[in-house]
C-alpha atoms as a PDB file:
ATOM      1  CA  UNK A   1     -31.815  24.389  29.074  1.00  0.00           C
ATOM      2  CA  UNK A   2     -33.811  25.054  25.897  1.00  0.00           C
ATOM      3  CA  UNK A   3     -33.476  22.246  23.173  1.00  0.00           C
ATOM      4  CA  UNK A   4     -31.426  23.105  20.073  1.00  0.00           C
ATOM      5  CA  UNK A   5     -33.625  24.145  17.203  1.00  0.00           C
ATOM      6  CA  UNK A   6     -33.483  21.869  14.103  1.00  0.00           C
ATOM      7  CA  UNK A   7     -32.709  23.324  10.569  1.00  0.00           C
ATOM      8  CA  UNK A   8     -35.714  24.721   8.850  1.00  0.00           C
ATOM      9  CA  UNK A   9     -36.836  23.749   5.399  1.00  0.00           C
ATOM     10  CA  UNK A  10     -34.946  26.758   3.836  1.00  0.00           C
ATOM     11  CA  UNK A  11     -31.677  25.748   5.512  1.00  0.00           C
ATOM     12  CA  UNK A  12     -31.989  22.152   4.456  1.00  0.00           C
ATOM     13  CA  UNK A  13     -32.713  23.292   0.962  1.00  0.00           C
ATOM     14  CA  UNK A  14     -29.640  25.521   0.831  1.00  0.00           C
ATOM     15  CA  UNK A  15     -27.540  22.734   2.182  1.00  0.00           C
ATOM     16  CA  UNK A  16     -28.732  20.263  -0.447  1.00  0.00           C
ATOM     17  CA  UNK A  17     -28.063  22.761  -3.192  1.00  0.00           C
ATOM     18  CA  UNK A  18     -24.603  23.296  -1.972  1.00  0.00           C
ATOM     19  CA  UNK A  19     -23.803  19.701  -1.922  1.00  0.00           C
ATOM     20  CA  UNK A  20     -25.159  19.314  -5.478  1.00  0.00           C
ATOM     21  CA  UNK A  21     -23.148  22.156  -6.758  1.00  0.00           C
ATOM     22  CA  UNK A  22     -20.048  20.911  -5.166  1.00  0.00           C
ATOM     23  CA  UNK A  23     -20.593  17.469  -6.620  1.00  0.00           C
ATOM     24  CA  UNK A  24     -20.976  18.789 -10.172  1.00  0.00           C
ATOM     25  CA  UNK A  25     -18.085  21.283  -9.946  1.00  0.00           C
ATOM     26  CA  UNK A  26     -15.836  18.487  -8.393  1.00  0.00           C
ATOM     27  CA  UNK A  27     -16.291  16.445 -11.581  1.00  0.00           C
ATOM     28  CA  UNK A  28     -15.634  19.579 -13.743  1.00  0.00           C
ATOM     29  CA  UNK A  29     -12.385  20.813 -12.429  1.00  0.00           C
ATOM     30  CA  UNK A  30     -14.178  23.457 -10.337  1.00  0.00           C
ATOM     31  CA  UNK A  31     -16.625  24.979 -12.862  1.00  0.00           C
ATOM     32  CA  UNK A  32     -20.429  24.940 -13.524  1.00  0.00           C
ATOM     33  CA  UNK A  33     -22.862  26.651 -15.839  1.00  0.00           C
ATOM     34  CA  UNK A  34     -26.178  28.326 -15.212  1.00  0.00           C
ATOM     35  CA  UNK A  35     -28.089  25.381 -16.470  1.00  0.00           C
ATOM     36  CA  UNK A  36     -26.541  23.016 -13.986  1.00  0.00           C
ATOM     37  CA  UNK A  37     -26.969  25.620 -11.250  1.00  0.00           C
ATOM     38  CA  UNK A  38     -30.795  25.770 -11.977  1.00  0.00           C
ATOM     39  CA  UNK A  39     -30.876  21.871 -11.830  1.00  0.00           C
ATOM     40  CA  UNK A  40     -29.391  22.140  -8.409  1.00  0.00           C
ATOM     41  CA  UNK A  41     -31.983  24.613  -7.263  1.00  0.00           C
ATOM     42  CA  UNK A  42     -29.990  27.761  -7.707  1.00  0.00           C
ATOM     43  CA  UNK A  43     -31.982  30.460  -9.573  1.00  0.00           C
ATOM     44  CA  UNK A  44     -30.675  33.683 -10.874  1.00  0.00           C
ATOM     45  CA  UNK A  45     -31.223  35.652  -7.711  1.00  0.00           C
ATOM     46  CA  UNK A  46     -29.590  33.122  -5.425  1.00  0.00           C
ATOM     47  CA  UNK A  47     -26.733  32.764  -7.944  1.00  0.00           C
ATOM     48  CA  UNK A  48     -26.150  36.598  -7.670  1.00  0.00           C
ATOM     49  CA  UNK A  49     -26.094  36.369  -3.846  1.00  0.00           C
ATOM     50  CA  UNK A  50     -23.627  33.495  -4.142  1.00  0.00           C
ATOM     51  CA  UNK A  51     -21.480  35.794  -6.325  1.00  0.00           C
ATOM     52  CA  UNK A  52     -21.644  38.525  -3.826  1.00  0.00           C
ATOM     53  CA  UNK A  53     -20.626  36.107  -1.081  1.00  0.00           C
ATOM     54  CA  UNK A  54     -17.746  34.674  -3.097  1.00  0.00           C
ATOM     55  CA  UNK A  55     -19.202  31.238  -3.618  1.00  0.00           C
ATOM     56  CA  UNK A  56     -19.331  31.786  -7.326  1.00  0.00           C
ATOM     57  CA  UNK A  57     -16.960  33.586  -9.674  1.00  0.00           C
ATOM     58  CA  UNK A  58     -17.944  34.515 -13.206  1.00  0.00           C
ATOM     59  CA  UNK A  59     -15.624  33.065 -15.897  1.00  0.00           C
ATOM     60  CA  UNK A  60     -17.794  33.540 -18.976  1.00  0.00           C
ATOM     61  CA  UNK A  61     -21.366  34.510 -19.470  1.00  0.00           C
ATOM     62  CA  UNK A  62     -23.441  31.988 -17.642  1.00  0.00           C
ATOM     63  CA  UNK A  63     -20.242  30.007 -16.568  1.00  0.00           C
ATOM     64  CA  UNK A  64     -18.691  30.131 -13.099  1.00  0.00           C
ATOM     65  CA  UNK A  65     -15.937  28.931 -10.987  1.00  0.00           C
ATOM     66  CA  UNK A  66     -17.158  27.490  -7.599  1.00  0.00           C
ATOM     67  CA  UNK A  67     -15.461  28.638  -4.391  1.00  0.00           C
ATOM     68  CA  UNK A  68     -12.374  30.030  -5.839  1.00  0.00           C
ATOM     69  CA  UNK A  69     -11.578  32.189  -9.017  1.00  0.00           C
ATOM     70  CA  UNK A  70      -8.487  30.204  -9.848  1.00  0.00           C
ATOM     71  CA  UNK A  71      -9.056  27.060 -11.893  1.00  0.00           C
ATOM     72  CA  UNK A  72      -6.581  24.574 -13.563  1.00  0.00           C
ATOM     73  CA  UNK A  73      -6.168  24.310 -17.336  1.00  0.00           C
ATOM     74  CA  UNK A  74      -8.732  21.507 -17.422  1.00  0.00           C
ATOM     75  CA  UNK A  75     -11.260  23.864 -15.782  1.00  0.00           C
ATOM     76  CA  UNK A  76     -10.592  26.571 -18.330  1.00  0.00           C
ATOM     77  CA  UNK A  77     -11.298  24.026 -21.052  1.00  0.00           C
ATOM     78  CA  UNK A  78     -14.513  22.909 -19.484  1.00  0.00           C
ATOM     79  CA  UNK A  79     -15.620  26.463 -19.029  1.00  0.00           C
ATOM     80  CA  UNK A  80     -15.075  27.154 -22.622  1.00  0.00           C
ATOM     81  CA  UNK A  81     -17.100  23.935 -23.672  1.00  0.00           C
ATOM     82  CA  UNK A  82     -19.932  24.965 -21.249  1.00  0.00           C
ATOM     83  CA  UNK A  83     -20.035  28.410 -22.779  1.00  0.00           C
ATOM     84  CA  UNK A  84     -20.158  27.057 -26.271  1.00  0.00           C
ATOM     85  CA  UNK A  85     -23.108  24.866 -25.372  1.00  0.00           C
ATOM     86  CA  UNK A  86     -24.158  21.202 -25.781  1.00  0.00           C
ATOM     87  CA  UNK A  87     -22.253  19.290 -28.474  1.00  0.00           C
ATOM     88  CA  UNK A  88     -19.232  21.583 -28.309  1.00  0.00           C
ATOM     89  CA  UNK A  89     -15.808  19.988 -28.673  1.00  0.00           C
ATOM     90  CA  UNK A  90     -12.203  20.893 -28.371  1.00  0.00           C
ATOM     91  CA  UNK A  91     -10.778  21.348 -31.799  1.00  0.00           C
ATOM     92  CA  UNK A  92      -7.766  22.720 -33.890  1.00  0.00           C
ATOM     93  CA  UNK A  93      -4.643  23.445 -31.817  1.00  0.00           C
ATOM     94  CA  UNK A  94      -6.405  22.945 -28.547  1.00  0.00           C
ATOM     95  CA  UNK A  95      -7.344  19.419 -29.692  1.00  0.00           C
ATOM     96  CA  UNK A  96      -3.851  18.670 -30.887  1.00  0.00           C
ATOM     97  CA  UNK A  97      -2.482  19.794 -27.406  1.00  0.00           C
ATOM     98  CA  UNK A  98      -5.158  17.713 -25.560  1.00  0.00           C
ATOM     99  CA  UNK A  99      -4.088  14.620 -27.644  1.00  0.00           C
ATOM    100  CA  UNK A 100      -0.457  15.599 -26.811  1.00  0.00           C
ATOM    101  CA  UNK A 101       0.521  15.992 -30.342  1.00  0.00           C
ATOM    102  CA  UNK A 102       2.118  19.390 -29.502  1.00  0.00           C
ATOM    103  CA  UNK A 103       3.836  20.652 -26.417  1.00  0.00           C
ATOM    104  CA  UNK A 104       2.104  23.908 -25.743  1.00  0.00           C
ATOM    105  CA  UNK A 105      -1.632  24.880 -25.899  1.00  0.00           C
ATOM    106  CA  UNK A 106      -2.436  27.763 -28.307  1.00  0.00           C
ATOM    107  CA  UNK A 107      -3.093  31.252 -26.966  1.00  0.00           C
ATOM    108  CA  UNK A 108      -6.756  30.814 -27.599  1.00  0.00           C
ATOM    109  CA  UNK A 109      -8.923  27.993 -26.594  1.00  0.00           C
ATOM    110  CA  UNK A 110     -10.381  26.526 -29.885  1.00  0.00           C
ATOM    111  CA  UNK A 111     -13.886  24.987 -29.725  1.00  0.00           C
ATOM    112  CA  UNK A 112     -16.053  23.694 -32.508  1.00  0.00           C
ATOM    113  CA  UNK A 113     -19.852  23.909 -32.109  1.00  0.00           C
ATOM    114  CA  UNK A 114     -22.976  23.612 -34.202  1.00  0.00           C
ATOM    115  CA  UNK A 115     -24.429  26.925 -32.871  1.00  0.00           C
ATOM    116  CA  UNK A 116     -22.982  30.452 -32.976  1.00  0.00           C
ATOM    117  CA  UNK A 117     -22.099  32.358 -29.894  1.00  0.00           C
ATOM    118  CA  UNK A 118     -20.944  35.886 -29.252  1.00  0.00           C
ATOM    119  CA  UNK A 119     -17.115  35.958 -29.026  1.00  0.00           C
ATOM    120  CA  UNK A 120     -15.462  36.209 -25.648  1.00  0.00           C
ATOM    121  CA  UNK A 121     -11.951  36.825 -24.624  1.00  0.00           C
ATOM    122  CA  UNK A 122      -9.755  33.663 -24.810  1.00  0.00           C
ATOM    123  CA  UNK A 123     -12.078  31.414 -26.836  1.00  0.00           C
ATOM    124  CA  UNK A 124     -12.314  30.965 -30.602  1.00  0.00           C
ATOM    125  CA  UNK A 125     -15.573  29.123 -31.582  1.00  0.00           C
ATOM    126  CA  UNK A 126     -15.599  27.559 -34.977  1.00  0.00           C
ATOM    127  CA  UNK A 127     -19.145  26.977 -36.326  1.00  0.00           C
ATOM    128  CA  UNK A 128     -19.724  23.558 -37.894  1.00  0.00           C
ATOM    129  CA  UNK A 129     -22.974  21.740 -38.930  1.00  0.00           C
ATOM    130  CA  UNK A 130     -21.297  18.296 -38.230  1.00  0.00           C
ATOM    131  CA  UNK A 131     -18.091  17.121 -36.659  1.00  0.00           C
ATOM    132  CA  UNK A 132     -16.486  13.778 -35.706  1.00  0.00           C
ATOM    133  CA  UNK A 133     -16.386  13.772 -31.935  1.00  0.00           C
ATOM    134  CA  UNK A 134     -14.941  11.435 -29.210  1.00  0.00           C
ATOM    135  CA  UNK A 135     -13.966  11.780 -25.613  1.00  0.00           C
ATOM    136  CA  UNK A 136     -10.280  11.712 -24.422  1.00  0.00           C
ATOM    137  CA  UNK A 137      -9.146  12.311 -20.868  1.00  0.00           C
ATOM    138  CA  UNK A 138     -12.693  13.204 -19.831  1.00  0.00           C
ATOM    139  CA  UNK A 139     -13.328  15.878 -22.415  1.00  0.00           C
ATOM    140  CA  UNK A 140     -15.038  15.896 -25.788  1.00  0.00           C
ATOM    141  CA  UNK A 141     -12.501  16.373 -28.615  1.00  0.00           C
ATOM    142  CA  UNK A 142     -12.272  15.896 -32.307  1.00  0.00           C
ATOM    143  CA  UNK A 143     -10.719  12.755 -33.619  1.00  0.00           C
ATOM    144  CA  UNK A 144      -6.945  12.810 -33.995  1.00  0.00           C
ATOM    145  CA  UNK A 145      -7.203  13.028 -37.819  1.00  0.00           C
ATOM    146  CA  UNK A 146      -9.625  15.971 -37.617  1.00  0.00           C
ATOM    147  CA  UNK A 147      -7.393  17.640 -34.998  1.00  0.00           C
ATOM    148  CA  UNK A 148      -4.336  17.323 -37.433  1.00  0.00           C
ATOM    149  CA  UNK A 149      -6.370  18.727 -40.272  1.00  0.00           C
ATOM    150  CA  UNK A 150      -7.668  21.648 -38.274  1.00  0.00           C
ATOM    151  CA  UNK A 151      -4.222  22.271 -36.880  1.00  0.00           C
ATOM    152  CA  UNK A 152      -2.764  22.339 -40.324  1.00  0.00           C
ATOM    153  CA  UNK A 153      -5.003  25.389 -41.277  1.00  0.00           C
ATOM    154  CA  UNK A 154      -2.679  27.835 -39.496  1.00  0.00           C
ATOM    155  CA  UNK A 155       0.357  25.965 -38.142  1.00  0.00           C
ATOM    156  CA  UNK A 156       3.745  26.081 -39.950  1.00  0.00           C
ATOM    157  CA  UNK A 157       4.409  22.892 -42.068  1.00  0.00           C
ATOM    158  CA  UNK A 158       7.354  22.090 -39.667  1.00  0.00           C
ATOM    159  CA  UNK A 159       4.942  21.950 -36.676  1.00  0.00           C
ATOM    160  CA  UNK A 160       2.318  19.935 -38.666  1.00  0.00           C
ATOM    161  CA  UNK A 161       4.936  17.287 -39.557  1.00  0.00           C
ATOM    162  CA  UNK A 162       5.959  17.041 -35.907  1.00  0.00           C
ATOM    163  CA  UNK A 163       2.395  16.668 -34.704  1.00  0.00           C
ATOM    164  CA  UNK A 164       1.799  13.919 -37.377  1.00  0.00           C
ATOM    165  CA  UNK A 165       4.994  12.088 -36.372  1.00  0.00           C
ATOM    166  CA  UNK A 166       3.881  12.287 -32.692  1.00  0.00           C
ATOM    167  CA  UNK A 167       0.373  10.940 -33.468  1.00  0.00           C
ATOM    168  CA  UNK A 168       1.809   7.892 -35.270  1.00  0.00           C
ATOM    169  CA  UNK A 169       4.485   7.403 -32.505  1.00  0.00           C
ATOM    170  CA  UNK A 170       1.849   7.277 -29.945  1.00  0.00           C
ATOM    171  CA  UNK A 171      -0.080   4.802 -32.107  1.00  0.00           C
ATOM    172  CA  UNK A 172      -3.129   7.170 -32.238  1.00  0.00           C
ATOM    173  CA  UNK A 173      -3.639   7.022 -35.994  1.00  0.00           C
ATOM    174  CA  UNK A 174      -2.943   5.005 -39.182  1.00  0.00           C
ATOM    175  CA  UNK A 175      -1.658   7.257 -41.934  1.00  0.00           C
ATOM    176  CA  UNK A 176      -4.473   5.978 -44.255  1.00  0.00           C
ATOM    177  CA  UNK A 177      -7.006   7.355 -41.713  1.00  0.00           C
ATOM    178  CA  UNK A 178      -5.403  10.752 -42.026  1.00  0.00           C
ATOM    179  CA  UNK A 179      -5.728  10.684 -45.776  1.00  0.00           C
ATOM    180  CA  UNK A 180      -9.373  10.060 -45.627  1.00  0.00           C
ATOM    181  CA  UNK A 181      -9.966  13.587 -43.941  1.00  0.00           C
ATOM    182  CA  UNK A 182      -8.205  15.339 -46.934  1.00  0.00           C
ATOM    183  CA  UNK A 183     -10.420  16.832 -49.589  1.00  0.00           C
ATOM    184  CA  UNK A 184     -11.053  19.817 -51.962  1.00  0.00           C
ATOM    185  CA  UNK A 185     -12.314  22.801 -49.993  1.00  0.00           C
ATOM    186  CA  UNK A 186     -11.296  21.344 -46.575  1.00  0.00           C
ATOM    187  CA  UNK A 187      -9.105  23.870 -44.863  1.00  0.00           C
ATOM    188  CA  UNK A 188      -5.749  22.476 -43.928  1.00  0.00           C
ATOM    189  CA  UNK A 189      -5.695  19.672 -46.614  1.00  0.00           C
ATOM    190  CA  UNK A 190      -2.976  21.154 -48.643  1.00  0.00           C
ATOM    191  CA  UNK A 191      -0.514  21.527 -45.738  1.00  0.00           C
ATOM    192  CA  UNK A 192      -1.390  18.234 -44.220  1.00  0.00           C
ATOM    193  CA  UNK A 193      -0.976  16.466 -47.607  1.00  0.00           C
ATOM    194  CA  UNK A 194       2.578  17.727 -47.897  1.00  0.00           C
ATOM    195  CA  UNK A 195       3.284  16.614 -44.298  1.00  0.00           C
ATOM    196  CA  UNK A 196       2.147  13.220 -45.348  1.00  0.00           C
ATOM    197  CA  UNK A 197       4.230  13.135 -48.368  1.00  0.00           C
ATOM    198  CA  UNK A 198       7.339  14.369 -46.361  1.00  0.00           C
ATOM    199  CA  UNK A 199       6.460  12.146 -43.249  1.00  0.00           C
ATOM    200  CA  UNK A 200       9.350  11.634 -40.892  1.00  0.00           C
ATOM    201  CA  UNK A 201       8.496   9.259 -37.994  1.00  0.00           C
ATOM    202  CA  UNK A 202      11.799  10.133 -36.282  1.00  0.00           C
ATOM    203  CA  UNK A 203      10.546  13.769 -35.692  1.00  0.00           C
ATOM    204  CA  UNK A 204       8.705  12.398 -32.632  1.00  0.00           C
ATOM    205  CA  UNK A 205      11.821  11.532 -31.019  1.00  0.00           C
ATOM    206  CA  UNK A 206      13.418  14.994 -31.390  1.00  0.00           C
ATOM    207  CA  UNK A 207      13.911  17.323 -28.426  1.00  0.00           C
ATOM    208  CA  UNK A 208      14.661  20.630 -30.033  1.00  0.00           C
ATOM    209  CA  UNK A 209      14.195  22.737 -33.238  1.00  0.00           C
ATOM    210  CA  UNK A 210      17.847  22.230 -34.050  1.00  0.00           C
ATOM    211  CA  UNK A 211      17.288  18.443 -34.273  1.00  0.00           C
ATOM    212  CA  UNK A 212      14.220  18.949 -36.466  1.00  0.00           C
ATOM    213  CA  UNK A 213      16.316  21.141 -38.734  1.00  0.00           C
ATOM    214  CA  UNK A 214      18.958  18.658 -39.062  1.00  0.00           C
ATOM    215  CA  UNK A 215      16.400  15.946 -40.119  1.00  0.00           C
ATOM    216  CA  UNK A 216      15.031  18.365 -42.699  1.00  0.00           C
ATOM    217  CA  UNK A 217      18.664  18.746 -43.948  1.00  0.00           C
ATOM    218  CA  UNK A 218      18.999  15.039 -44.173  1.00  0.00           C
ATOM    219  CA  UNK A 219      15.773  14.753 -46.229  1.00  0.00           C
ATOM    220  CA  UNK A 220      16.835  17.589 -48.641  1.00  0.00           C
ATOM    221  CA  UNK A 221      20.158  15.688 -49.095  1.00  0.00           C
ATOM    222  CA  UNK A 222      18.515  12.448 -49.889  1.00  0.00           C
ATOM    223  CA  UNK A 223      20.218  10.758 -46.861  1.00  0.00           C
ATOM    224  CA  UNK A 224      18.995   7.713 -45.038  1.00  0.00           C
ATOM    225  CA  UNK A 225      17.289   8.861 -41.766  1.00  0.00           C
ATOM    226  CA  UNK A 226      19.329   8.399 -38.653  1.00  0.00           C
ATOM    227  CA  UNK A 227      18.373   7.159 -35.310  1.00  0.00           C
ATOM    228  CA  UNK A 228      17.376  10.217 -33.149  1.00  0.00           C
ATOM    229  CA  UNK A 229      18.531  10.480 -29.492  1.00  0.00           C
ATOM    230  CA  UNK A 230      19.863   6.997 -29.606  1.00  0.00           C
ATOM    231  CA  UNK A 231      21.673   5.032 -26.850  1.00  0.00           C
ATOM    232  CA  UNK A 232      25.156   3.996 -27.623  1.00  0.00           C
ATOM    233  CA  UNK A 233      27.625   2.650 -25.165  1.00  0.00           C
ATOM    234  CA  UNK A 234      25.737   4.312 -22.169  1.00  0.00           C
ATOM    235  CA  UNK A 235      25.776   7.718 -23.969  1.00  0.00           C
ATOM    236  CA  UNK A 236      22.764   9.523 -25.448  1.00  0.00           C
ATOM    237  CA  UNK A 237      23.577  10.444 -29.146  1.00  0.00           C
ATOM    238  CA  UNK A 238      21.856  13.215 -31.031  1.00  0.00           C
ATOM    239  CA  UNK A 239      21.952  11.450 -34.426  1.00  0.00           C
ATOM    240  CA  UNK A 240      23.388   8.126 -35.097  1.00  0.00           C
ATOM    241  CA  UNK A 241      23.906   6.015 -38.277  1.00  0.00           C
ATOM    242  CA  UNK A 242      24.537   2.739 -36.521  1.00  0.00           C
ATOM    243  CA  UNK A 243      25.662   0.598 -39.402  1.00  0.00           C
ATOM    244  CA  UNK A 244      28.039   3.185 -40.793  1.00  0.00           C
ATOM    245  CA  UNK A 245      29.173   3.902 -37.155  1.00  0.00           C
ATOM    246  CA  UNK A 246      28.650   7.625 -37.818  1.00  0.00           C
ATOM    247  CA  UNK A 247      27.713   9.983 -34.870  1.00  0.00           C
ATOM    248  CA  UNK A 248      26.379  13.447 -35.392  1.00  0.00           C
ATOM    249  CA  UNK A 249      26.219  15.852 -32.289  1.00  0.00           C
ATOM    250  CA  UNK A 250      24.365  19.032 -32.584  1.00  0.00           C
ATOM    251  CA  UNK A 251      25.706  21.941 -30.627  1.00  0.00           C
ATOM    252  CA  UNK A 252      23.138  24.474 -29.587  1.00  0.00           C
ATOM    253  CA  UNK A 253      24.605  27.589 -27.934  1.00  0.00           C
ATOM    254  CA  UNK A 254      22.804  27.170 -24.597  1.00  0.00           C
ATOM    255  CA  UNK A 255      24.122  23.601 -23.957  1.00  0.00           C
ATOM    256  CA  UNK A 256      27.658  23.904 -25.394  1.00  0.00           C
ATOM    257  CA  UNK A 257      28.983  27.368 -24.584  1.00  0.00           C
ATOM    258  CA  UNK A 258      30.798  27.103 -21.233  1.00  0.00           C
ATOM    259  CA  UNK A 259      34.298  25.635 -20.761  1.00  0.00           C
ATOM    260  CA  UNK A 260      32.958  22.776 -18.701  1.00  0.00           C
ATOM    261  CA  UNK A 261      30.386  21.891 -21.350  1.00  0.00           C
ATOM    262  CA  UNK A 262      33.005  22.012 -24.119  1.00  0.00           C
ATOM    263  CA  UNK A 263      35.324  19.819 -22.033  1.00  0.00           C
ATOM    264  CA  UNK A 264      32.525  17.281 -21.622  1.00  0.00           C
ATOM    265  CA  UNK A 265      31.910  17.335 -25.342  1.00  0.00           C
ATOM    266  CA  UNK A 266      35.453  16.581 -26.114  1.00  0.00           C
ATOM    267  CA  UNK A 267      35.466  13.659 -23.649  1.00  0.00           C
ATOM    268  CA  UNK A 268      32.411  12.199 -25.192  1.00  0.00           C
ATOM    269  CA  UNK A 269      33.974  12.396 -28.684  1.00  0.00           C
ATOM    270  CA  UNK A 270      37.183  10.684 -27.384  1.00  0.00           C
ATOM    271  CA  UNK A 271      35.016   7.826 -26.008  1.00  0.00           C
ATOM    272  CA  UNK A 272      33.103   7.447 -29.214  1.00  0.00           C
ATOM    273  CA  UNK A 273      36.233   7.433 -31.418  1.00  0.00           C
ATOM    274  CA  UNK A 274      38.060   4.891 -29.298  1.00  0.00           C
ATOM    275  CA  UNK A 275      34.897   2.613 -29.859  1.00  0.00           C
ATOM    276  CA  UNK A 276      35.408   2.939 -33.594  1.00  0.00           C
ATOM    277  CA  UNK A 277      32.785   5.665 -34.412  1.00  0.00           C
ATOM    278  CA  UNK A 278      33.428   8.780 -36.477  1.00  0.00           C
ATOM    279  CA  UNK A 279      32.108  11.909 -34.837  1.00  0.00           C
ATOM    280  CA  UNK A 280      30.787  14.983 -36.475  1.00  0.00           C
ATOM    281  CA  UNK A 281      29.620  18.338 -34.773  1.00  0.00           C
ATOM    282  CA  UNK A 282      27.455  20.980 -36.294  1.00  0.00           C
ATOM    283  CA  UNK A 283      26.157  24.160 -34.930  1.00  0.00           C
ATOM    284  CA  UNK A 284      22.939  26.025 -35.524  1.00  0.00           C
ATOM    285  CA  UNK A 285      24.723  28.619 -37.669  1.00  0.00           C
ATOM    286  CA  UNK A 286      26.195  25.933 -39.793  1.00  0.00           C
ATOM    287  CA  UNK A 287      22.813  24.156 -40.439  1.00  0.00           C
ATOM    288  CA  UNK A 288      21.228  27.650 -41.236  1.00  0.00           C
ATOM    289  CA  UNK A 289      24.075  29.340 -43.283  1.00  0.00           C
ATOM    290  CA  UNK A 290      26.341  26.535 -44.447  1.00  0.00           C
ATOM    291  CA  UNK A 291      23.687  23.807 -45.167  1.00  0.00           C
ATOM    292  CA  UNK A 292      25.372  22.975 -48.561  1.00  0.00           C
ATOM    293  CA  UNK A 293      28.619  22.296 -46.823  1.00  0.00           C
ATOM    294  CA  UNK A 294      27.116  20.236 -44.096  1.00  0.00           C
ATOM    295  CA  UNK A 295      25.219  18.053 -46.641  1.00  0.00           C
ATOM    296  CA  UNK A 296      28.447  17.535 -48.581  1.00  0.00           C
ATOM    297  CA  UNK A 297      30.311  16.557 -45.334  1.00  0.00           C
ATOM    298  CA  UNK A 298      27.716  14.099 -44.371  1.00  0.00           C
ATOM    299  CA  UNK A 299      27.529  12.558 -47.895  1.00  0.00           C
ATOM    300  CA  UNK A 300      31.223  12.067 -47.841  1.00  0.00           C
ATOM    301  CA  UNK A 301      31.283  10.414 -44.386  1.00  0.00           C
ATOM    302  CA  UNK A 302      28.420   8.051 -45.118  1.00  0.00           C
ATOM    303  CA  UNK A 303      29.848   7.168 -48.526  1.00  0.00           C
ATOM    304  CA  UNK A 304      33.185   6.419 -46.860  1.00  0.00           C
ATOM    305  CA  UNK A 305      31.674   4.103 -44.370  1.00  0.00           C
ATOM    306  CA  UNK A 306      29.298   2.439 -46.930  1.00  0.00           C
ATOM    307  CA  UNK A 307      32.419   1.647 -48.992  1.00  0.00           C
END
């Protein structure tokens, strides 16, 4: 029987390159760029053959997914950073999302870099000569204060206030640190300054826009802030003034429109009243169209219990 032939130099070289590419892509959520491919011994012609064979899949110019065209969100962020080049960092709404200050990522991946690149679909690159930069969850990202400032350039004030409250709740920033990034000519400064002036830490505990709207109403009425989503006698209460023994429940249509849900609400109210608490219920329509009446009702209830 003839002896099995050993792998030749070309086969060993190919095998080594495959292992190197796999190692790098494994650390980058499945993506790699042309510079890293060259460092692994994969030139342009071989990369073209790998694409034909399905080993590489082009994501952006010079950036590829390895082995499979589907990549996780972290891989998409890494691919955008690789496309933008050395020194690039997540910024604006993408940075706010990566810091978990907002719940949903923006439609575009926002990257800040010190070099200009041709635009590609899905990425917005902001050209900057200098930028504060750190690493969080393995990716380069702007500082929390800078992320808030950048986010404030386009986000509504309501969302900026929520992101600011979330940053403080997670103990990621000190409010004085945020004030340091404000300044004339710095986009986002005006809106972020208003968010600081109207800062409501309790926004970080809200679970809906309806709750955020109620807190804004409390501010406009000059009322003391309530506890948000507080525990009381084994129940989770939307808004609670504990000392005044006043409970406010907010009725969004989706969670309070069936007969069973209405019955549950009445049962909760009875339990709370038996425990000596006054219960108020307000709907989205009331907060939107009858805000003056709601403010007067709350003022009267709080004044009665304070007295």
